[in-house]
Amino acid sequence: MMIELPLAYLALEEKLQLMESLWDDLCRQDNGIESPSWHEDLLAQRESAITQGTEQFTDWETAKRTIRSQLT
């Protein structure tokens, strides 16, 4: 089924609300969708890097500032 929405006519706030509603609905359903195998491998690699001290977490506000500075 193809659903067409008038996205070009929606305000940014309306688009974000629509996305939030879709995610909320998807989170309430247990569709049995499995993550791809590469995802588990990547998570294991990242966990190992954190444990070994070769990587560290960055809080979200710092990460956003870093990303913004790289884009300008």
N, C-alpha and C. Protein backbone atom coordinates (compact mmCIF):
# COMPACT_ATOMS: atom_id res chain seq x y z
N MET A 1 0.84 -1.17 0.00
CA MET A 1 0.00 0.00 0.00
C MET A 1 0.90 1.24 0.00
N MET A 2 0.65 2.14 -0.91
CA MET A 2 1.41 3.38 -1.00
C MET A 2 0.56 4.51 -0.46
N ILE A 3 1.08 5.18 0.55
CA ILE A 3 0.39 6.32 1.14
C ILE A 3 1.15 7.57 0.76
N GLU A 4 0.46 8.49 0.14
CA GLU A 4 1.09 9.74 -0.24
C GLU A 4 0.60 10.84 0.69
N LEU A 5 1.56 11.58 1.24
CA LEU A 5 1.25 12.67 2.15
C LEU A 5 1.67 13.99 1.50
N PRO A 6 0.96 15.05 1.81
CA PRO A 6 1.32 16.36 1.24
C PRO A 6 2.51 16.98 1.99
N LEU A 7 3.65 16.30 1.96
CA LEU A 7 4.79 16.73 2.75
C LEU A 7 5.27 18.13 2.40
N ALA A 8 5.18 18.50 1.14
CA ALA A 8 5.64 19.82 0.72
C ALA A 8 4.82 20.93 1.37
N TYR A 9 3.63 20.61 1.80
CA TYR A 9 2.74 21.62 2.40
C TYR A 9 2.76 21.62 3.92
N LEU A 10 3.45 20.66 4.52
CA LEU A 10 3.50 20.58 5.98
C LEU A 10 4.62 21.45 6.52
N ALA A 11 4.36 22.08 7.64
CA ALA A 11 5.38 22.86 8.33
C ALA A 11 6.35 21.89 9.00
N LEU A 12 7.53 22.38 9.29
CA LEU A 12 8.54 21.54 9.94
C LEU A 12 7.99 20.92 11.22
N GLU A 13 7.32 21.70 12.03
CA GLU A 13 6.76 21.19 13.28
C GLU A 13 5.77 20.05 13.02
N GLU A 14 4.97 20.17 11.97
CA GLU A 14 4.01 19.12 11.63
C GLU A 14 4.74 17.85 11.17
N LYS A 15 5.80 18.02 10.40
CA LYS A 15 6.58 16.87 9.94
C LYS A 15 7.22 16.15 11.12
N LEU A 16 7.77 16.91 12.05
CA LEU A 16 8.39 16.29 13.23
C LEU A 16 7.36 15.56 14.08
N GLN A 17 6.17 16.14 14.21
CA GLN A 17 5.11 15.48 14.97
C GLN A 17 4.67 14.19 14.29
N LEU A 18 4.61 14.22 12.97
CA LEU A 18 4.26 13.03 12.21
C LEU A 18 5.30 11.93 12.42
N MET A 19 6.57 12.29 12.35
CA MET A 19 7.64 11.30 12.60
C MET A 19 7.55 10.74 14.01
N GLU A 20 7.30 11.61 14.97
CA GLU A 20 7.20 11.16 16.37
C GLU A 20 6.04 10.19 16.53
N SER A 21 4.92 10.48 15.89
CA SER A 21 3.76 9.58 15.96
C SER A 21 4.07 8.23 15.35
N LEU A 22 4.78 8.23 14.22
CA LEU A 22 5.15 6.97 13.58
C LEU A 22 6.07 6.15 14.47
N TRP A 23 7.10 6.79 15.05
CA TRP A 23 8.03 6.08 15.93
C TRP A 23 7.32 5.53 17.16
N ASP A 24 6.43 6.34 17.73
CA ASP A 24 5.67 5.87 18.90
C ASP A 24 4.86 4.62 18.56
N ASP A 25 4.23 4.64 17.40
CA ASP A 25 3.43 3.49 16.98
C ASP A 25 4.31 2.27 16.75
N LEU A 26 5.46 2.45 16.08
CA LEU A 26 6.37 1.34 15.83
C LEU A 26 6.91 0.75 17.13
N CYS A 27 7.15 1.60 18.11
CA CYS A 27 7.69 1.13 19.40
C CYS A 27 6.67 0.31 20.18
N ARG A 28 5.39 0.58 19.97
CA ARG A 28 4.34 -0.17 20.68
C ARG A 28 4.11 -1.55 20.08
N GLN A 29 4.56 -1.76 18.86
CA GLN A 29 4.34 -3.03 18.18
C GLN A 29 5.57 -3.92 18.30
N ASP A 30 5.32 -5.18 18.54
CA ASP A 30 6.42 -6.14 18.55
C ASP A 30 6.30 -6.95 17.27
N ASN A 31 6.95 -6.46 16.22
CA ASN A 31 6.84 -7.11 14.92
C ASN A 31 7.81 -8.27 14.75
N GLY A 32 8.67 -8.47 15.72
CA GLY A 32 9.65 -9.52 15.59
C GLY A 32 10.73 -9.19 14.58
N ILE A 33 10.91 -7.91 14.31
CA ILE A 33 11.96 -7.51 13.37
C ILE A 33 13.30 -7.64 14.08
N GLU A 34 14.18 -8.39 13.47
CA GLU A 34 15.49 -8.60 14.06
C GLU A 34 16.50 -7.62 13.48
N SER A 35 17.42 -7.19 14.31
CA SER A 35 18.51 -6.35 13.83
C SER A 35 19.40 -7.18 12.93
N PRO A 36 20.01 -6.54 11.94
CA PRO A 36 20.93 -7.30 11.08
C PRO A 36 22.15 -7.75 11.87
N SER A 37 22.80 -8.82 11.40
CA SER A 37 23.93 -9.38 12.14
C SER A 37 25.08 -8.38 12.28
N TRP A 38 25.28 -7.52 11.29
CA TRP A 38 26.37 -6.55 11.37
C TRP A 38 26.16 -5.59 12.53
N HIS A 39 24.91 -5.38 12.92
CA HIS A 39 24.62 -4.46 14.01
C HIS A 39 25.15 -4.99 15.33
N GLU A 40 24.94 -6.28 15.57
CA GLU A 40 25.46 -6.89 16.79
C GLU A 40 26.98 -6.85 16.82
N ASP A 41 27.59 -7.10 15.67
CA ASP A 41 29.06 -7.05 15.59
C ASP A 41 29.58 -5.65 15.89
N LEU A 42 28.93 -4.65 15.33
CA LEU A 42 29.36 -3.27 15.54
C LEU A 42 29.20 -2.86 17.01
N LEU A 43 28.09 -3.25 17.62
CA LEU A 43 27.89 -2.94 19.04
C LEU A 43 28.95 -3.61 19.91
N ALA A 44 29.31 -4.85 19.58
CA ALA A 44 30.35 -5.56 20.34
C ALA A 44 31.70 -4.86 20.20
N GLN A 45 32.01 -4.39 18.98
CA GLN A 45 33.26 -3.66 18.76
C GLN A 45 33.29 -2.37 19.57
N ARG A 46 32.19 -1.67 19.58
CA ARG A 46 32.13 -0.40 20.32
C ARG A 46 32.21 -0.63 21.82
N GLU A 47 31.54 -1.67 22.30
CA GLU A 47 31.61 -2.00 23.72
C GLU A 47 33.04 -2.36 24.12
N SER A 48 33.70 -3.11 23.27
CA SER A 48 35.09 -3.50 23.53
C SER A 48 35.99 -2.27 23.58
N ALA A 49 35.79 -1.33 22.67
CA ALA A 49 36.60 -0.11 22.63
C ALA A 49 36.39 0.73 23.89
N ILE A 50 35.17 0.77 24.39
CA ILE A 50 34.89 1.50 25.64
C ILE A 50 35.59 0.80 26.80
N THR A 51 35.46 -0.52 26.86
CA THR A 51 36.07 -1.30 27.94
C THR A 51 37.59 -1.16 27.94
N GLN A 52 38.20 -1.14 26.75
CA GLN A 52 39.65 -1.02 26.64
C GLN A 52 40.14 0.41 26.83
N GLY A 53 39.21 1.35 26.86
CA GLY A 53 39.60 2.74 27.06
C GLY A 53 40.08 3.44 25.81
N THR A 54 39.88 2.83 24.63
CA THR A 54 40.29 3.49 23.39
C THR A 54 39.22 4.42 22.83
N GLU A 55 38.03 4.33 23.38
CA GLU A 55 36.92 5.22 23.01
C GLU A 55 36.24 5.66 24.30
N GLN A 56 35.50 6.76 24.20
CA GLN A 56 34.76 7.23 25.38
C GLN A 56 33.44 7.83 24.93
N PHE A 57 32.53 7.92 25.86
CA PHE A 57 31.23 8.52 25.59
C PHE A 57 31.35 10.04 25.60
N THR A 58 30.52 10.69 24.81
CA THR A 58 30.41 12.14 24.80
C THR A 58 28.96 12.48 25.08
N ASP A 59 28.72 13.45 25.95
CA ASP A 59 27.33 13.82 26.21
C ASP A 59 26.74 14.47 24.95
N TRP A 60 25.44 14.43 24.84
CA TRP A 60 24.74 14.85 23.64
C TRP A 60 25.00 16.32 23.29
N GLU A 61 25.01 17.19 24.25
CA GLU A 61 25.23 18.62 23.98
C GLU A 61 26.62 18.85 23.39
N THR A 62 27.62 18.19 23.92
CA THR A 62 28.98 18.31 23.39
C THR A 62 29.04 17.73 21.98
N ALA A 63 28.41 16.61 21.77
CA ALA A 63 28.39 15.98 20.45
C ALA A 63 27.75 16.91 19.42
N LYS A 64 26.64 17.54 19.78
CA LYS A 64 25.97 18.46 18.84
C LYS A 64 26.88 19.63 18.50
N ARG A 65 27.56 20.21 19.50
CA ARG A 65 28.47 21.32 19.24
C ARG A 65 29.60 20.88 18.30
N THR A 66 30.13 19.70 18.52
CA THR A 66 31.21 19.18 17.68
C THR A 66 30.73 19.01 16.24
N ILE A 67 29.58 18.42 16.08
CA ILE A 67 29.03 18.20 14.73
C ILE A 67 28.77 19.53 14.04
N ARG A 68 28.17 20.45 14.76
CA ARG A 68 27.89 21.77 14.16
C ARG A 68 29.18 22.49 13.74
N SER A 69 30.21 22.38 14.55
CA SER A 69 31.47 23.06 14.22
C SER A 69 32.12 22.42 12.99
N GLN A 70 31.91 21.14 12.77
CA GLN A 70 32.47 20.46 11.61
C GLN A 70 31.70 20.80 10.33
N LEU A 71 30.45 21.22 10.48
CA LEU A 71 29.62 21.53 9.32
C LEU A 71 29.76 22.97 8.85
N THR A 72 30.33 23.81 9.70
CA THR A 72 30.45 25.23 9.31
C THR A 72 31.84 25.58 8.87
